[in-house]
Amino acid sequence: MTNNSSNNAPAETPLQSCEEKKEGPYLRVTCYGSSSSATPKEYVDASRQLGRALAEAGHVCVNGGGRTGCMSGMTDGAIAAGGKVVGVIHEVSIFQLKNS
């Protein structure tokens, strides 16, 4: 987004412009946990509650983007509560998946 010089308002960054604006401050909270299918159910349930709580408070959940375990639980909880999730997947992990 460009800066409108007539009102001297600062330009929004790409992250700001793609996120819904809400009243009050919000945080991008980074949470990492297991992404194993062997993760005990009580941990997955707790991570789902954490994701839901972050979303309900208007925060963005940043995690490892896994499809199983606590990473999946946080994502599912946040999305179910109408929140936003940013998945960060390390390049090494992508390389390992391509070569396995």
N, C-alpha and C. Protein backbone atom coordinates (compact mmCIF):
# COMPACT_ATOMS: atom_id res chain seq x y z
N MET A 1 0.85 -1.17 0.00
CA MET A 1 0.00 0.00 0.00
C MET A 1 0.90 1.23 0.00
N THR A 2 0.50 2.23 -0.72
CA THR A 2 1.33 3.42 -0.80
C THR A 2 0.91 4.45 0.22
N ASN A 3 1.84 5.33 0.52
CA ASN A 3 1.58 6.39 1.48
C ASN A 3 0.87 7.53 0.77
N ASN A 4 -0.20 8.00 1.34
CA ASN A 4 -0.91 9.14 0.79
C ASN A 4 -0.28 10.38 1.38
N SER A 5 0.48 11.12 0.58
CA SER A 5 1.24 12.25 1.10
C SER A 5 0.36 13.40 1.56
N SER A 6 -0.92 13.42 1.13
CA SER A 6 -1.78 14.53 1.53
C SER A 6 -2.15 14.48 3.01
N ASN A 7 -2.16 13.29 3.61
CA ASN A 7 -2.51 13.24 5.03
C ASN A 7 -1.34 12.77 5.89
N ASN A 8 -0.20 12.53 5.30
CA ASN A 8 1.01 12.11 6.02
C ASN A 8 0.83 10.88 6.87
N ALA A 9 -0.16 10.05 6.55
CA ALA A 9 -0.37 8.79 7.28
C ALA A 9 0.69 7.79 6.84
N PRO A 10 1.23 7.01 7.79
CA PRO A 10 2.24 6.02 7.40
C PRO A 10 1.62 4.93 6.53
N ALA A 11 2.40 4.43 5.60
CA ALA A 11 1.93 3.35 4.74
C ALA A 11 1.81 2.07 5.55
N GLU A 12 0.83 1.24 5.21
CA GLU A 12 0.67 -0.04 5.88
C GLU A 12 1.69 -1.03 5.32
N THR A 13 2.16 -1.91 6.17
CA THR A 13 3.02 -2.99 5.69
C THR A 13 2.13 -4.05 5.07
N PRO A 14 2.69 -4.96 4.25
CA PRO A 14 1.85 -6.02 3.66
C PRO A 14 1.11 -6.84 4.72
N LEU A 15 1.75 -7.14 5.86
CA LEU A 15 1.07 -7.92 6.89
C LEU A 15 -0.10 -7.16 7.48
N GLN A 16 0.06 -5.86 7.67
CA GLN A 16 -1.03 -5.08 8.23
C GLN A 16 -2.21 -5.02 7.26
N SER A 17 -1.92 -4.86 5.99
CA SER A 17 -3.00 -4.68 5.04
C SER A 17 -3.77 -5.98 4.78
N CYS A 18 -3.15 -7.16 5.02
CA CYS A 18 -3.85 -8.41 4.74
C CYS A 18 -4.61 -8.92 5.95
N GLU A 19 -4.45 -8.31 7.09
CA GLU A 19 -5.15 -8.74 8.29
C GLU A 19 -6.30 -7.80 8.59
N GLU A 20 -7.39 -8.36 9.07
CA GLU A 20 -8.56 -7.56 9.42
C GLU A 20 -8.19 -6.66 10.60
N LYS A 21 -8.56 -5.42 10.49
CA LYS A 21 -8.29 -4.48 11.58
C LYS A 21 -9.35 -4.67 12.67
N LYS A 22 -8.91 -4.67 13.92
CA LYS A 22 -9.82 -4.78 15.05
C LYS A 22 -9.50 -3.67 16.04
N GLU A 23 -10.45 -3.38 16.89
CA GLU A 23 -10.22 -2.40 17.94
C GLU A 23 -9.17 -2.93 18.90
N GLY A 24 -8.30 -2.08 19.34
CA GLY A 24 -7.30 -2.47 20.32
C GLY A 24 -6.14 -3.23 19.70
N PRO A 25 -5.11 -3.43 20.48
CA PRO A 25 -3.93 -4.10 19.96
C PRO A 25 -4.14 -5.60 19.81
N TYR A 26 -3.45 -6.19 18.87
CA TYR A 26 -3.44 -7.63 18.74
C TYR A 26 -1.98 -8.06 18.67
N LEU A 27 -1.75 -9.31 18.94
CA LEU A 27 -0.40 -9.86 18.90
C LEU A 27 -0.32 -10.97 17.88
N ARG A 28 0.86 -11.22 17.39
CA ARG A 28 1.15 -12.43 16.63
C ARG A 28 1.88 -13.34 17.62
N VAL A 29 1.20 -14.35 18.10
CA VAL A 29 1.74 -15.22 19.15
C VAL A 29 2.29 -16.49 18.51
N THR A 30 3.59 -16.72 18.72
CA THR A 30 4.24 -17.90 18.15
C THR A 30 4.21 -19.04 19.15
N CYS A 31 3.66 -20.16 18.73
CA CYS A 31 3.54 -21.35 19.57
C CYS A 31 4.04 -22.55 18.79
N TYR A 32 5.03 -23.23 19.31
CA TYR A 32 5.50 -24.45 18.67
C TYR A 32 5.26 -25.62 19.62
N GLY A 33 4.91 -26.74 19.05
CA GLY A 33 4.66 -27.96 19.81
C GLY A 33 4.86 -29.14 18.90
N SER A 34 4.42 -30.27 19.32
CA SER A 34 4.62 -31.49 18.53
C SER A 34 3.81 -31.45 17.24
N SER A 35 4.30 -32.17 16.27
CA SER A 35 3.51 -32.37 15.04
C SER A 35 3.43 -33.87 14.75
N SER A 36 3.50 -34.64 15.83
CA SER A 36 3.49 -36.10 15.72
C SER A 36 2.08 -36.65 15.86
N SER A 37 1.78 -37.67 15.09
CA SER A 37 0.47 -38.31 15.23
C SER A 37 0.38 -39.10 16.54
N ALA A 38 1.51 -39.30 17.22
CA ALA A 38 1.53 -40.03 18.50
C ALA A 38 1.35 -39.09 19.70
N THR A 39 1.10 -37.81 19.45
CA THR A 39 0.90 -36.85 20.55
C THR A 39 -0.33 -37.25 21.35
N PRO A 40 -0.20 -37.32 22.69
CA PRO A 40 -1.37 -37.67 23.52
C PRO A 40 -2.55 -36.72 23.29
N LYS A 41 -3.74 -37.28 23.28
CA LYS A 41 -4.96 -36.52 23.00
C LYS A 41 -5.12 -35.32 23.92
N GLU A 42 -4.76 -35.46 25.19
CA GLU A 42 -4.94 -34.33 26.12
C GLU A 42 -4.07 -33.13 25.73
N TYR A 43 -2.91 -33.37 25.12
CA TYR A 43 -2.06 -32.27 24.66
C TYR A 43 -2.66 -31.61 23.42
N VAL A 44 -3.19 -32.41 22.52
CA VAL A 44 -3.83 -31.88 21.32
C VAL A 44 -5.05 -31.06 21.72
N ASP A 45 -5.84 -31.56 22.66
CA ASP A 45 -7.01 -30.82 23.15
C ASP A 45 -6.61 -29.50 23.78
N ALA A 46 -5.54 -29.50 24.57
CA ALA A 46 -5.07 -28.27 25.22
C ALA A 46 -4.58 -27.27 24.17
N SER A 47 -3.89 -27.76 23.14
CA SER A 47 -3.42 -26.85 22.10
C SER A 47 -4.59 -26.27 21.29
N ARG A 48 -5.63 -27.06 21.11
CA ARG A 48 -6.84 -26.58 20.42
C ARG A 48 -7.48 -25.46 21.25
N GLN A 49 -7.52 -25.62 22.57
CA GLN A 49 -8.07 -24.58 23.45
C GLN A 49 -7.22 -23.31 23.38
N LEU A 50 -5.89 -23.48 23.29
CA LEU A 50 -5.00 -22.32 23.18
C LEU A 50 -5.26 -21.58 21.87
N GLY A 51 -5.37 -22.29 20.76
CA GLY A 51 -5.65 -21.66 19.49
C GLY A 51 -6.96 -20.90 19.51
N ARG A 52 -7.98 -21.51 20.12
CA ARG A 52 -9.30 -20.87 20.24
C ARG A 52 -9.19 -19.60 21.09
N ALA A 53 -8.48 -19.68 22.22
CA ALA A 53 -8.34 -18.52 23.11
C ALA A 53 -7.61 -17.37 22.41
N LEU A 54 -6.58 -17.68 21.66
CA LEU A 54 -5.85 -16.64 20.92
C LEU A 54 -6.77 -15.96 19.91
N ALA A 55 -7.53 -16.76 19.17
CA ALA A 55 -8.43 -16.21 18.16
C ALA A 55 -9.52 -15.36 18.79
N GLU A 56 -10.09 -15.84 19.88
CA GLU A 56 -11.17 -15.10 20.54
C GLU A 56 -10.68 -13.77 21.10
N ALA A 57 -9.39 -13.69 21.43
CA ALA A 57 -8.81 -12.45 21.93
C ALA A 57 -8.37 -11.54 20.78
N GLY A 58 -8.54 -12.01 19.53
CA GLY A 58 -8.19 -11.19 18.37
C GLY A 58 -6.74 -11.30 17.94
N HIS A 59 -6.01 -12.27 18.49
CA HIS A 59 -4.60 -12.43 18.16
C HIS A 59 -4.43 -13.38 16.98
N VAL A 60 -3.27 -13.33 16.36
CA VAL A 60 -2.92 -14.22 15.25
C VAL A 60 -2.03 -15.32 15.80
N CYS A 61 -2.36 -16.57 15.51
CA CYS A 61 -1.58 -17.72 15.96
C CYS A 61 -0.53 -18.04 14.89
N VAL A 62 0.74 -18.02 15.28
CA VAL A 62 1.84 -18.36 14.38
C VAL A 62 2.41 -19.68 14.88
N ASN A 63 2.44 -20.71 14.00
CA ASN A 63 2.96 -22.00 14.44
C ASN A 63 3.66 -22.73 13.31
N GLY A 64 4.04 -23.96 13.56
CA GLY A 64 4.81 -24.74 12.60
C GLY A 64 4.01 -25.35 11.47
N GLY A 65 2.72 -25.11 11.43
CA GLY A 65 1.91 -25.51 10.30
C GLY A 65 1.73 -27.01 10.10
N GLY A 66 1.95 -27.82 11.11
CA GLY A 66 1.80 -29.26 10.95
C GLY A 66 0.35 -29.69 10.79
N ARG A 67 0.15 -30.89 10.26
CA ARG A 67 -1.21 -31.43 10.07
C ARG A 67 -1.62 -32.37 11.18
N THR A 68 -0.73 -32.64 12.11
CA THR A 68 -1.04 -33.54 13.22
C THR A 68 -0.50 -32.94 14.51
N GLY A 69 -0.84 -33.55 15.62
CA GLY A 69 -0.31 -33.14 16.93
C GLY A 69 -0.77 -31.77 17.37
N CYS A 70 0.05 -31.14 18.18
CA CYS A 70 -0.30 -29.83 18.76
C CYS A 70 -0.37 -28.73 17.71
N MET A 71 0.46 -28.81 16.68
CA MET A 71 0.40 -27.80 15.62
C MET A 71 -0.98 -27.80 14.97
N SER A 72 -1.49 -28.97 14.66
CA SER A 72 -2.82 -29.09 14.07
C SER A 72 -3.90 -28.63 15.06
N GLY A 73 -3.74 -28.99 16.32
CA GLY A 73 -4.72 -28.60 17.33
C GLY A 73 -4.85 -27.09 17.45
N MET A 74 -3.72 -26.38 17.50
CA MET A 74 -3.76 -24.91 17.59
C MET A 74 -4.43 -24.31 16.36
N THR A 75 -4.04 -24.81 15.19
CA THR A 75 -4.62 -24.31 13.95
C THR A 75 -6.12 -24.54 13.92
N ASP A 76 -6.55 -25.76 14.23
CA ASP A 76 -7.98 -26.08 14.21
C ASP A 76 -8.77 -25.22 15.18
N GLY A 77 -8.22 -25.03 16.39
CA GLY A 77 -8.91 -24.22 17.39
C GLY A 77 -9.04 -22.77 16.97
N ALA A 78 -7.99 -22.22 16.43
CA ALA A 78 -8.01 -20.81 15.99
C ALA A 78 -8.98 -20.61 14.84
N ILE A 79 -8.93 -21.50 13.86
CA ILE A 79 -9.81 -21.37 12.70
C ILE A 79 -11.28 -21.56 13.10
N ALA A 80 -11.54 -22.52 13.99
CA ALA A 80 -12.91 -22.76 14.45
C ALA A 80 -13.50 -21.53 15.15
N ALA A 81 -12.63 -20.73 15.76
CA ALA A 81 -13.08 -19.52 16.46
C ALA A 81 -13.02 -18.29 15.56
N GLY A 82 -12.78 -18.51 14.26
CA GLY A 82 -12.77 -17.39 13.32
C GLY A 82 -11.47 -16.62 13.29
N GLY A 83 -10.39 -17.22 13.82
CA GLY A 83 -9.11 -16.53 13.89
C GLY A 83 -8.25 -16.73 12.67
N LYS A 84 -7.07 -16.14 12.75
CA LYS A 84 -6.10 -16.23 11.67
C LYS A 84 -4.90 -17.03 12.15
N VAL A 85 -4.30 -17.79 11.22
CA VAL A 85 -3.14 -18.62 11.52
C VAL A 85 -2.08 -18.39 10.46
N VAL A 86 -0.84 -18.27 10.89
CA VAL A 86 0.30 -18.21 9.98
C VAL A 86 1.14 -19.44 10.25
N GLY A 87 1.31 -20.29 9.25
CA GLY A 87 2.13 -21.49 9.39
C GLY A 87 3.53 -21.23 8.87
N VAL A 88 4.54 -21.50 9.67
CA VAL A 88 5.93 -21.31 9.28
C VAL A 88 6.55 -22.70 9.14
N ILE A 89 6.88 -23.05 7.91
CA ILE A 89 7.48 -24.36 7.64
C ILE A 89 8.91 -24.13 7.20
N HIS A 90 9.85 -24.74 7.91
CA HIS A 90 11.26 -24.57 7.60
C HIS A 90 11.60 -25.18 6.25
N GLU A 91 12.49 -24.52 5.52
CA GLU A 91 12.89 -25.00 4.21
C GLU A 91 13.48 -26.41 4.27
N VAL A 92 14.19 -26.73 5.34
CA VAL A 92 14.78 -28.08 5.50
C VAL A 92 13.68 -29.12 5.51
N SER A 93 12.57 -28.83 6.16
CA SER A 93 11.45 -29.78 6.22
C SER A 93 10.88 -30.03 4.83
N ILE A 94 10.75 -29.00 4.04
CA ILE A 94 10.23 -29.15 2.68
C ILE A 94 11.19 -29.97 1.85
N PHE A 95 12.49 -29.71 1.99
CA PHE A 95 13.51 -30.48 1.26
C PHE A 95 13.43 -31.95 1.65
N GLN A 96 13.27 -32.23 2.95
CA GLN A 96 13.21 -33.63 3.39
C GLN A 96 11.98 -34.33 2.85
N LEU A 97 10.84 -33.64 2.79
CA LEU A 97 9.63 -34.22 2.24
C LEU A 97 9.78 -34.55 0.75
N LYS A 98 10.40 -33.65 0.01
CA LYS A 98 10.59 -33.86 -1.42
C LYS A 98 11.51 -35.02 -1.71
N ASN A 99 12.45 -35.29 -0.81
CA ASN A 99 13.45 -36.31 -1.05
C ASN A 99 13.22 -37.60 -0.26
N SER A 100 12.03 -37.76 0.28
CA SER A 100 11.76 -38.99 1.05
C SER A 100 10.98 -40.00 0.24
